[in-house]
Amino acid sequence: MKKAAGQFSRRERDAVYRVMFERRDVRRNFLPTAISDEVMIRLLTAAHHAGSVGFMQPWDFVVIRDHATKGAVKELFLRANAEAATRYRGERAALYRGLKLEGIEEAPINIAVTCSRQRGGPHVLGRSTVRDTDLYSTCCAIQNLWLAARAEGIGVGWVSILDHGALKRVLGVPKPVKVLAYLCLGYVSEFATQPDLERAGWRERIPVDQLIHYESWGNIRDRHEGRP
C-alpha cells in the first residue's frame, strides 16, 4: 500500500498532541522574564499561517508592553468584572469573586487580536453564504498563536471580560475593525495540570463521546458497545 504523503514521525505527532492537551488559559504565575523579539515573531508568524476562508487573512495584532496602556486596560477589566459579578448569587457569587480571571499587568506582553471585516473586498471567495467566516478564521489564528506559545514554554491568557468598544478607544483601533481577543503572554513558573475553572469547581470537562454524533444529530454511540 502506498504511504500517504506528509506524514510525521510518532515522536513529532506526540509533541503536537502534547501541546494541545497541555495548553492552558494562564492568568497567574507569570515571570518578569522578557519575551525576545525573535520569539514574538515566531509566535505571530505561526498565527499568521492559520487557515482563512478565501485566504483573506483578516487579522492584525496590537502588541502591548507599555505599563500605562496595561493599566488603562486593567481599569476596563475591573469595571466589567464588577458588573459581571452581580449576575451571580450565593456560593456561586463567592466562587466567582475568588477566581483569577486576568493577568494584564503581570504578563510582560499583551496582544489585542483584531479582525478587519472588509479585508479582501466585498466578494471574498467562500464567504458569500456565511459572513462570519472572517471571525472564525481569526479564531484559528489565535489558536495557532496559543499552541505555538505553549511549545515555547509561554503562557497565554484570554481576557474576555472587557468592554471592547472602550478597549478600541484605548488602543486606537479604527471603528470598522473588530477586536476579537485580548491576550496576556509571558513565561510562567508552572503550567497547571488542569484548567483553572475545572480545578476551582466552576465547570467540568464534558466527555468527548457525549459530543460526537454519527450521520445525524442525536446518534451517539454507547461508549461500551461502540455503536449508536
Protein backbone atom coordinates (compact mmCIF):
# COMPACT_ATOMS: atom_id res chain seq x y z
CA MET A 1 0.00 0.00 0.00
CA LYS A 2 1.32 3.40 -0.94
CA LYS A 3 2.26 5.54 2.04
CA ALA A 4 0.28 8.75 2.45
CA ALA A 5 2.27 11.92 1.83
CA GLY A 6 3.29 14.39 4.50
CA GLN A 7 3.25 12.08 7.48
CA PHE A 8 5.12 12.89 10.69
CA SER A 9 7.07 10.58 12.93
CA ARG A 10 5.45 9.16 16.07
CA ARG A 11 7.59 11.49 18.20
CA GLU A 12 6.52 14.53 16.19
CA ARG A 13 2.85 13.55 16.44
CA ASP A 14 3.14 13.04 20.19
CA ALA A 15 4.60 16.54 20.54
CA VAL A 16 1.66 18.07 18.66
CA TYR A 17 -0.90 16.30 20.84
CA ARG A 18 1.04 17.14 23.99
CA VAL A 19 1.00 20.86 23.22
CA MET A 20 -2.77 20.69 22.66
CA PHE A 21 -3.51 18.80 25.86
CA GLU A 22 -1.13 20.90 27.99
CA ARG A 23 -2.33 24.24 26.65
CA ARG A 24 -3.84 26.33 29.44
CA ASP A 25 -5.64 29.64 29.80
CA VAL A 26 -2.95 31.21 32.01
CA ARG A 27 -3.80 34.01 34.41
CA ARG A 28 -1.21 33.57 37.15
CA ASN A 29 2.44 32.60 37.78
CA PHE A 30 3.80 34.99 35.14
CA LEU A 31 7.53 35.64 35.40
CA PRO A 32 9.15 39.02 34.64
CA THR A 33 11.37 37.31 32.05
CA ALA A 34 11.20 39.22 28.77
CA ILE A 35 9.97 37.53 25.60
CA SER A 36 12.54 38.24 22.90
CA ASP A 37 11.58 39.86 19.60
CA GLU A 38 12.75 36.71 17.84
CA VAL A 39 10.32 34.53 19.79
CA MET A 40 7.48 37.03 19.35
CA ILE A 41 7.98 37.00 15.60
CA ARG A 42 7.84 33.20 15.64
CA LEU A 43 4.54 33.27 17.54
CA LEU A 44 2.97 35.91 15.33
CA THR A 45 4.18 34.16 12.18
CA ALA A 46 2.56 30.96 13.43
CA ALA A 47 -0.66 32.90 13.98
CA HIS A 48 -0.40 34.40 10.50
CA HIS A 49 -0.19 30.91 8.97
CA ALA A 50 -3.65 29.95 10.20
CA GLY A 51 -6.21 28.92 7.64
CA SER A 52 -8.56 31.67 6.49
CA VAL A 53 -11.61 31.49 4.25
CA GLY A 54 -10.82 32.92 0.83
CA PHE A 55 -7.24 33.45 2.06
CA MET A 56 -8.47 36.82 3.34
CA GLN A 57 -6.12 36.88 6.38
CA PRO A 58 -8.35 39.33 8.29
CA TRP A 59 -6.24 39.52 11.45
CA ASP A 60 -3.94 42.19 12.91
CA PHE A 61 -2.00 42.07 16.18
CA VAL A 62 -1.51 45.00 18.56
CA VAL A 63 1.50 44.15 20.76
CA ILE A 64 1.44 46.00 24.10
CA ARG A 65 4.33 46.32 26.53
CA ASP A 66 3.65 49.80 27.94
CA HIS A 67 2.67 49.83 31.64
CA ALA A 68 0.32 52.80 31.20
CA THR A 69 -1.62 51.06 28.45
CA LYS A 70 -1.87 47.86 30.51
CA GLY A 71 -3.10 49.93 33.46
CA ALA A 72 -5.83 51.50 31.34
CA VAL A 73 -6.95 48.07 30.12
CA LYS A 74 -6.88 46.74 33.69
CA GLU A 75 -9.30 49.50 34.70
CA LEU A 76 -11.65 48.37 31.92
CA PHE A 77 -11.45 44.83 33.25
CA LEU A 78 -12.17 45.89 36.83
CA ARG A 79 -15.30 47.74 35.76
CA ALA A 80 -16.57 44.93 33.55
CA ASN A 81 -15.76 42.30 36.15
CA ALA A 82 -17.59 44.16 38.90
CA GLU A 83 -20.67 44.23 36.68
CA ALA A 84 -20.31 40.55 35.77
CA ALA A 85 -20.09 39.58 39.45
CA THR A 86 -23.59 40.95 40.07
CA ARG A 87 -25.05 38.18 37.91
CA TYR A 88 -24.28 35.50 40.48
CA ARG A 89 -25.73 34.82 43.92
CA GLY A 90 -24.75 32.87 47.00
CA GLU A 91 -21.94 30.32 46.75
CA ARG A 92 -21.62 30.86 43.01
CA ALA A 93 -21.01 34.57 43.59
CA ALA A 94 -18.35 33.84 46.21
CA LEU A 95 -16.67 31.37 43.89
CA TYR A 96 -16.73 33.86 41.04
CA ARG A 97 -15.13 36.60 43.12
CA GLY A 98 -12.36 34.22 44.11
CA LEU A 99 -11.42 33.37 40.51
CA LYS A 100 -8.30 34.86 38.96
CA LEU A 101 -9.56 35.99 35.56
CA GLU A 102 -6.74 38.09 34.10
CA GLY A 103 -3.01 38.74 34.20
CA ILE A 104 -2.97 42.05 32.35
CA GLU A 105 -0.35 43.86 34.41
CA GLU A 106 1.59 40.77 35.48
CA ALA A 107 2.23 39.49 31.95
CA PRO A 108 5.21 41.04 30.13
CA ILE A 109 3.26 41.30 26.85
CA ASN A 110 -0.39 41.84 25.99
CA ILE A 111 -1.75 41.32 22.48
CA ALA A 112 -5.03 42.52 21.05
CA VAL A 113 -6.10 40.43 18.07
CA THR A 114 -8.40 42.19 15.63
CA CYS A 115 -10.45 41.24 12.58
CA SER A 116 -10.68 43.60 9.61
CA ARG A 117 -14.05 42.58 8.20
CA GLN A 118 -13.64 44.48 4.92
CA ARG A 119 -10.28 42.92 4.06
CA GLY A 120 -10.33 41.25 0.68
CA GLY A 121 -13.17 43.41 -0.62
CA PRO A 122 -16.91 42.76 -0.82
CA HIS A 123 -16.64 39.35 -2.53
CA VAL A 124 -14.29 37.08 -0.61
CA LEU A 125 -14.27 33.56 -2.00
CA GLY A 126 -16.26 31.19 0.23
CA ARG A 127 -17.77 33.93 2.39
CA SER A 128 -20.93 34.79 0.49
CA THR A 129 -23.20 32.45 2.45
CA VAL A 130 -21.52 32.51 5.88
CA ARG A 131 -20.49 36.08 6.60
CA ASP A 132 -18.82 35.34 9.95
CA THR A 133 -16.12 33.14 8.45
CA ASP A 134 -13.70 36.05 8.87
CA LEU A 135 -14.27 35.87 12.63
CA TYR A 136 -13.83 32.09 12.63
CA SER A 137 -10.61 32.47 10.64
CA THR A 138 -9.24 34.95 13.17
CA CYS A 139 -10.02 32.47 15.97
CA CYS A 140 -7.86 29.94 14.09
CA ALA A 141 -5.00 32.48 14.18
CA ILE A 142 -5.49 32.91 17.93
CA GLN A 143 -5.33 29.15 18.48
CA ASN A 144 -2.17 28.90 16.35
CA LEU A 145 -0.54 31.58 18.48
CA TRP A 146 -1.66 29.86 21.69
CA LEU A 147 -0.27 26.46 20.71
CA ALA A 148 2.99 27.94 19.41
CA ALA A 149 3.37 29.84 22.68
CA ARG A 150 2.87 26.67 24.71
CA ALA A 151 5.53 24.94 22.61
CA GLU A 152 7.87 27.84 23.53
CA GLY A 153 7.02 27.48 27.24
CA ILE A 154 4.99 30.69 27.20
CA GLY A 155 1.64 31.01 28.92
CA VAL A 156 -1.32 32.74 27.26
CA GLY A 157 -4.47 34.02 28.93
CA TRP A 158 -7.56 35.29 27.09
CA VAL A 159 -9.20 38.22 28.90
CA SER A 160 -12.82 38.12 27.78
CA ILE A 161 -14.30 40.36 30.48
CA LEU A 162 -13.73 43.68 28.71
CA ASP A 163 -15.83 46.34 27.01
CA HIS A 164 -14.43 46.05 23.51
CA GLY A 165 -15.75 49.44 22.49
CA ALA A 166 -13.80 51.08 25.30
CA LEU A 167 -10.79 48.86 24.55
CA LYS A 168 -10.76 50.05 20.95
CA ARG A 169 -10.61 53.65 22.16
CA VAL A 170 -7.67 52.86 24.47
CA LEU A 171 -5.75 51.16 21.66
CA GLY A 172 -6.78 53.45 18.82
CA VAL A 173 -8.36 50.63 16.80
CA PRO A 174 -10.32 52.03 13.82
CA LYS A 175 -14.10 51.86 14.09
CA PRO A 176 -14.69 49.32 11.25
CA VAL A 177 -12.17 46.89 12.78
CA LYS A 178 -13.42 44.38 15.35
CA VAL A 179 -11.43 43.43 18.44
CA LEU A 180 -11.72 39.68 18.84
CA ALA A 181 -9.35 38.83 21.69
CA TYR A 182 -7.15 40.41 24.34
CA LEU A 183 -4.33 38.07 25.33
CA CYS A 184 -1.72 38.13 28.11
CA LEU A 185 1.60 36.42 27.34
CA GLY A 186 4.60 35.52 29.45
CA TYR A 187 6.87 32.78 30.70
CA VAL A 188 5.42 31.19 33.83
CA SER A 189 6.74 29.40 36.90
CA GLU A 190 4.44 26.46 36.17
CA PHE A 191 1.61 25.30 33.95
CA ALA A 192 -1.41 23.91 35.79
CA THR A 193 -2.23 20.26 35.23
CA GLN A 194 -5.93 21.15 34.95
CA PRO A 195 -7.75 24.19 33.54
CA ASP A 196 -8.27 26.77 36.30
CA LEU A 197 -12.07 26.69 36.06
CA GLU A 198 -12.13 22.90 36.29
CA ARG A 199 -9.76 22.91 39.27
CA ALA A 200 -11.85 25.59 41.01
CA GLY A 201 -15.04 23.57 40.55
CA TRP A 202 -16.66 26.08 38.19
CA ARG A 203 -17.21 23.55 35.40
CA GLU A 204 -16.13 20.05 34.43
CA ARG A 205 -14.85 18.82 31.07
CA ILE A 206 -17.60 17.09 29.10
CA PRO A 207 -16.64 13.58 27.95
CA VAL A 208 -15.95 13.76 24.22
CA ASP A 209 -18.08 10.70 23.45
CA GLN A 210 -21.14 12.68 24.57
CA LEU A 211 -20.45 15.28 21.88
CA ILE A 212 -19.92 13.10 18.81
CA HIS A 213 -22.97 12.46 16.60
CA TYR A 214 -22.82 9.93 13.76
CA GLU A 215 -24.52 10.66 10.43
CA SER A 216 -27.21 12.84 12.07
CA TRP A 217 -27.81 14.74 15.29
CA GLY A 218 -28.61 12.52 18.25
CA ASN A 219 -26.91 9.34 17.03
CA ILE A 220 -24.37 8.99 19.83
CA ARG A 221 -22.56 5.71 20.27
CA ASP A 222 -22.65 3.87 23.54
CA ARG A 223 -19.11 4.03 24.89
CA HIS A 224 -19.16 0.32 25.78
CA GLU A 225 -20.93 -1.11 22.77
CA GLY A 226 -19.21 1.15 20.23
CA ARG A 227 -22.37 1.73 18.17
CA PRO A 228 -25.36 4.12 18.14
